[in-house]
Amino acid sequence: MGLGVRISSREFLYLLVIKGMNDKGSGATIFGVAKALGVSTASAYEEINHLIKKGLVERRDDGIFVTDDGVKEMNSLIRAHRVVETLLVKAGIDPDKACELAKMFDYALPEEVVDKLYEYLGKPSKCPHGKDIPQP
């Protein structure tokens, strides 16, 4: 992907909610997503259509599902977050504070930068909270 732009934090939230519903064995509904995120049905409808156009989710007969590309983008952002969090903790910042700080800009970092930070940190397998760092 090189210097590709990541999904936004809002897109990520939508994907997380939809994937959570998918993981329970069902397609997401616009109403269910709106309720889970505390937004209007119209807002959820608009954002889901945006995600469909980007190829990150698809509408099927049994609901809305995250595509393979959507999962790939989610993992890329999770990886960026956990690598940045690891760097901040290594610099002496409390793990919970590091998590909050990482959320402010993890989605804006190019994959190339995340890869360099990951290597610089010695290719850690877990973040400071003990969660796996996804591989590209």
C-alpha atoms as a PDB file:
ATOM      1  CA  MET A   1       0.000   0.000   0.000  1.00  0.00           C
ATOM      2  CA  GLY A   2       2.983   2.305   0.415  1.00  0.00           C
ATOM      3  CA  LEU A   3       1.876   5.809   1.357  1.00  0.00           C
ATOM      4  CA  GLY A   4      -1.811   4.997   1.128  1.00  0.00           C
ATOM      5  CA  VAL A   5      -4.227   6.895   3.312  1.00  0.00           C
ATOM      6  CA  ARG A   6      -5.824   4.894   6.097  1.00  0.00           C
ATOM      7  CA  ILE A   7      -9.453   4.725   6.934  1.00  0.00           C
ATOM      8  CA  SER A   8     -10.660   7.499   9.232  1.00  0.00           C
ATOM      9  CA  SER A   9     -11.389   6.927  12.886  1.00  0.00           C
ATOM     10  CA  ARG A  10     -15.120   7.249  12.107  1.00  0.00           C
ATOM     11  CA  GLU A  11     -14.925   4.657   9.328  1.00  0.00           C
ATOM     12  CA  PHE A  12     -13.043   2.406  11.743  1.00  0.00           C
ATOM     13  CA  LEU A  13     -15.796   2.706  14.375  1.00  0.00           C
ATOM     14  CA  TYR A  14     -18.437   1.725  11.831  1.00  0.00           C
ATOM     15  CA  LEU A  15     -16.362  -1.232  10.647  1.00  0.00           C
ATOM     16  CA  LEU A  16     -15.815  -2.375  14.253  1.00  0.00           C
ATOM     17  CA  VAL A  17     -19.537  -2.326  15.001  1.00  0.00           C
ATOM     18  CA  ILE A  18     -20.457  -4.112  11.753  1.00  0.00           C
ATOM     19  CA  LYS A  19     -17.695  -6.715  12.220  1.00  0.00           C
ATOM     20  CA  GLY A  20     -18.852  -7.296  15.802  1.00  0.00           C
ATOM     21  CA  MET A  21     -22.339  -8.087  14.503  1.00  0.00           C
ATOM     22  CA  ASN A  22     -20.880 -10.274  11.727  1.00  0.00           C
ATOM     23  CA  ASP A  23     -18.771 -12.180  14.265  1.00  0.00           C
ATOM     24  CA  LYS A  24     -21.973 -13.058  16.130  1.00  0.00           C
ATOM     25  CA  GLY A  25     -23.146 -14.755  12.946  1.00  0.00           C
ATOM     26  CA  SER A  26     -25.425 -12.165  11.410  1.00  0.00           C
ATOM     27  CA  GLY A  27     -25.392  -9.278   9.018  1.00  0.00           C
ATOM     28  CA  ALA A  28     -25.574  -5.795  10.467  1.00  0.00           C
ATOM     29  CA  THR A  29     -28.611  -3.592   9.925  1.00  0.00           C
ATOM     30  CA  ILE A  30     -28.569   0.158   9.462  1.00  0.00           C
ATOM     31  CA  PHE A  31     -30.825   0.516  12.499  1.00  0.00           C
ATOM     32  CA  GLY A  32     -28.570  -1.740  14.605  1.00  0.00           C
ATOM     33  CA  VAL A  33     -25.441   0.179  13.621  1.00  0.00           C
ATOM     34  CA  ALA A  34     -27.139   3.541  14.291  1.00  0.00           C
ATOM     35  CA  LYS A  35     -28.276   2.348  17.725  1.00  0.00           C
ATOM     36  CA  ALA A  36     -24.834   0.930  18.616  1.00  0.00           C
ATOM     37  CA  LEU A  37     -23.080   4.178  17.656  1.00  0.00           C
ATOM     38  CA  GLY A  38     -25.735   6.533  19.006  1.00  0.00           C
ATOM     39  CA  VAL A  39     -26.273   8.214  15.637  1.00  0.00           C
ATOM     40  CA  SER A  40     -29.363   8.790  13.518  1.00  0.00           C
ATOM     41  CA  THR A  41     -30.480   6.102  11.082  1.00  0.00           C
ATOM     42  CA  ALA A  42     -29.907   8.634   8.271  1.00  0.00           C
ATOM     43  CA  SER A  43     -26.279   9.172   9.379  1.00  0.00           C
ATOM     44  CA  ALA A  44     -25.665   5.428   9.584  1.00  0.00           C
ATOM     45  CA  TYR A  45     -27.258   4.926   6.140  1.00  0.00           C
ATOM     46  CA  GLU A  46     -25.024   7.615   4.634  1.00  0.00           C
ATOM     47  CA  GLU A  47     -21.805   6.279   6.203  1.00  0.00           C
ATOM     48  CA  ILE A  48     -22.595   2.658   5.302  1.00  0.00           C
ATOM     49  CA  ASN A  49     -23.187   3.676   1.667  1.00  0.00           C
ATOM     50  CA  HIS A  50     -19.846   5.490   1.775  1.00  0.00           C
ATOM     51  CA  LEU A  51     -18.170   2.293   3.074  1.00  0.00           C
ATOM     52  CA  ILE A  52     -19.883   0.240   0.343  1.00  0.00           C
ATOM     53  CA  LYS A  53     -18.522   2.632  -2.335  1.00  0.00           C
ATOM     54  CA  LYS A  54     -15.026   2.207  -0.857  1.00  0.00           C
ATOM     55  CA  GLY A  55     -15.432  -1.595  -0.982  1.00  0.00           C
ATOM     56  CA  LEU A  56     -15.053  -1.974   2.794  1.00  0.00           C
ATOM     57  CA  VAL A  57     -18.524  -3.393   3.430  1.00  0.00           C
ATOM     58  CA  GLU A  58     -21.129  -5.059   1.247  1.00  0.00           C
ATOM     59  CA  ARG A  59     -24.885  -5.360   1.423  1.00  0.00           C
ATOM     60  CA  ARG A  60     -26.178  -8.920   1.137  1.00  0.00           C
ATOM     61  CA  ASP A  61     -29.668 -10.393   1.435  1.00  0.00           C
ATOM     62  CA  ASP A  62     -29.002 -11.165   5.102  1.00  0.00           C
ATOM     63  CA  GLY A  63     -27.501  -7.790   6.069  1.00  0.00           C
ATOM     64  CA  ILE A  64     -24.323  -5.743   5.889  1.00  0.00           C
ATOM     65  CA  PHE A  65     -20.939  -7.455   6.094  1.00  0.00           C
ATOM     66  CA  VAL A  66     -17.332  -6.258   6.280  1.00  0.00           C
ATOM     67  CA  THR A  67     -15.400  -7.304   3.152  1.00  0.00           C
ATOM     68  CA  ASP A  68     -11.884  -8.790   3.112  1.00  0.00           C
ATOM     69  CA  ASP A  69     -10.589  -5.314   2.189  1.00  0.00           C
ATOM     70  CA  GLY A  70     -12.490  -3.893   5.158  1.00  0.00           C
ATOM     71  CA  VAL A  71     -10.870  -6.411   7.508  1.00  0.00           C
ATOM     72  CA  LYS A  72      -7.459  -5.616   5.990  1.00  0.00           C
ATOM     73  CA  GLU A  73      -7.992  -1.877   6.596  1.00  0.00           C
ATOM     74  CA  MET A  74      -9.160  -2.519  10.164  1.00  0.00           C
ATOM     75  CA  ASN A  75      -6.087  -4.631  10.905  1.00  0.00           C
ATOM     76  CA  SER A  76      -3.852  -1.971   9.369  1.00  0.00           C
ATOM     77  CA  LEU A  77      -5.280   0.676  11.699  1.00  0.00           C
ATOM     78  CA  ILE A  78      -5.152  -1.642  14.731  1.00  0.00           C
ATOM     79  CA  ARG A  79      -1.499  -2.326  13.872  1.00  0.00           C
ATOM     80  CA  ALA A  80      -0.742   1.402  13.592  1.00  0.00           C
ATOM     81  CA  HIS A  81      -2.434   2.082  16.928  1.00  0.00           C
ATOM     82  CA  ARG A  82      -0.606  -0.677  18.773  1.00  0.00           C
ATOM     83  CA  VAL A  83       2.791   0.190  17.289  1.00  0.00           C
ATOM     84  CA  VAL A  84       2.384   3.889  18.202  1.00  0.00           C
ATOM     85  CA  GLU A  85       1.156   2.911  21.668  1.00  0.00           C
ATOM     86  CA  THR A  86       4.244   0.698  22.133  1.00  0.00           C
ATOM     87  CA  LEU A  87       6.540   3.543  21.053  1.00  0.00           C
ATOM     88  CA  LEU A  88       4.900   6.001  23.471  1.00  0.00           C
ATOM     89  CA  VAL A  89       5.160   3.558  26.389  1.00  0.00           C
ATOM     90  CA  LYS A  90       8.809   2.932  25.534  1.00  0.00           C
ATOM     91  CA  ALA A  91       9.283   6.726  25.704  1.00  0.00           C
ATOM     92  CA  GLY A  92       7.959   6.680  29.272  1.00  0.00           C
ATOM     93  CA  ILE A  93       4.242   7.393  28.863  1.00  0.00           C
ATOM     94  CA  ASP A  94       1.686   5.465  30.929  1.00  0.00           C
ATOM     95  CA  PRO A  95       0.015   2.696  28.834  1.00  0.00           C
ATOM     96  CA  ASP A  96      -3.539   4.051  29.203  1.00  0.00           C
ATOM     97  CA  LYS A  97      -2.426   7.598  28.388  1.00  0.00           C
ATOM     98  CA  ALA A  98      -0.417   6.219  25.438  1.00  0.00           C
ATOM     99  CA  CYS A  99      -3.586   4.546  24.135  1.00  0.00           C
ATOM    100  CA  GLU A 100      -5.535   7.827  24.284  1.00  0.00           C
ATOM    101  CA  LEU A 101      -2.696   9.745  22.608  1.00  0.00           C
ATOM    102  CA  ALA A 102      -2.273   7.118  19.870  1.00  0.00           C
ATOM    103  CA  LYS A 103      -5.970   7.451  18.964  1.00  0.00           C
ATOM    104  CA  MET A 104      -5.354  11.098  18.102  1.00  0.00           C
ATOM    105  CA  PHE A 105      -3.144  10.353  15.099  1.00  0.00           C
ATOM    106  CA  ASP A 106      -2.722   6.604  14.455  1.00  0.00           C
ATOM    107  CA  TYR A 107      -5.167   6.743  11.532  1.00  0.00           C
ATOM    108  CA  ALA A 108      -3.107   9.518   9.876  1.00  0.00           C
ATOM    109  CA  LEU A 109       0.216   7.646   9.736  1.00  0.00           C
ATOM    110  CA  PRO A 110       1.212   6.105   6.415  1.00  0.00           C
ATOM    111  CA  GLU A 111       1.787   2.353   6.544  1.00  0.00           C
ATOM    112  CA  GLU A 112       5.418   2.944   5.577  1.00  0.00           C
ATOM    113  CA  VAL A 113       5.973   4.952   8.798  1.00  0.00           C
ATOM    114  CA  VAL A 114       4.258   2.299  10.920  1.00  0.00           C
ATOM    115  CA  ASP A 115       6.495  -0.369   9.349  1.00  0.00           C
ATOM    116  CA  LYS A 116       9.632   1.659  10.180  1.00  0.00           C
ATOM    117  CA  LEU A 117       8.489   2.238  13.784  1.00  0.00           C
ATOM    118  CA  TYR A 118       7.659  -1.456  14.104  1.00  0.00           C
ATOM    119  CA  GLU A 119      11.188  -2.400  12.993  1.00  0.00           C
ATOM    120  CA  TYR A 120      12.732   0.285  15.209  1.00  0.00           C
ATOM    121  CA  LEU A 121      10.892  -1.183  18.217  1.00  0.00           C
ATOM    122  CA  GLY A 122      12.321  -4.643  17.503  1.00  0.00           C
ATOM    123  CA  LYS A 123       9.181  -6.078  15.870  1.00  0.00           C
ATOM    124  CA  PRO A 124       7.091  -6.517  19.050  1.00  0.00           C
ATOM    125  CA  SER A 125       4.339  -9.141  18.889  1.00  0.00           C
ATOM    126  CA  LYS A 126       2.135  -7.465  21.505  1.00  0.00           C
ATOM    127  CA  CYS A 127       1.204  -3.936  22.545  1.00  0.00           C
ATOM    128  CA  PRO A 128       1.654  -2.672  26.134  1.00  0.00           C
ATOM    129  CA  HIS A 129      -1.852  -3.960  26.953  1.00  0.00           C
ATOM    130  CA  GLY A 130      -0.872  -7.474  25.850  1.00  0.00           C
ATOM    131  CA  LYS A 131      -2.910  -7.484  22.616  1.00  0.00           C
ATOM    132  CA  ASP A 132      -1.446  -8.931  19.417  1.00  0.00           C
ATOM    133  CA  ILE A 133       0.001  -6.534  16.867  1.00  0.00           C
ATOM    134  CA  PRO A 134      -1.439  -7.616  13.487  1.00  0.00           C
ATOM    135  CA  GLN A 135       1.062  -8.376  10.744  1.00  0.00           C
ATOM    136  CA  PRO A 136       0.690  -6.658   7.351  1.00  0.00           C
END
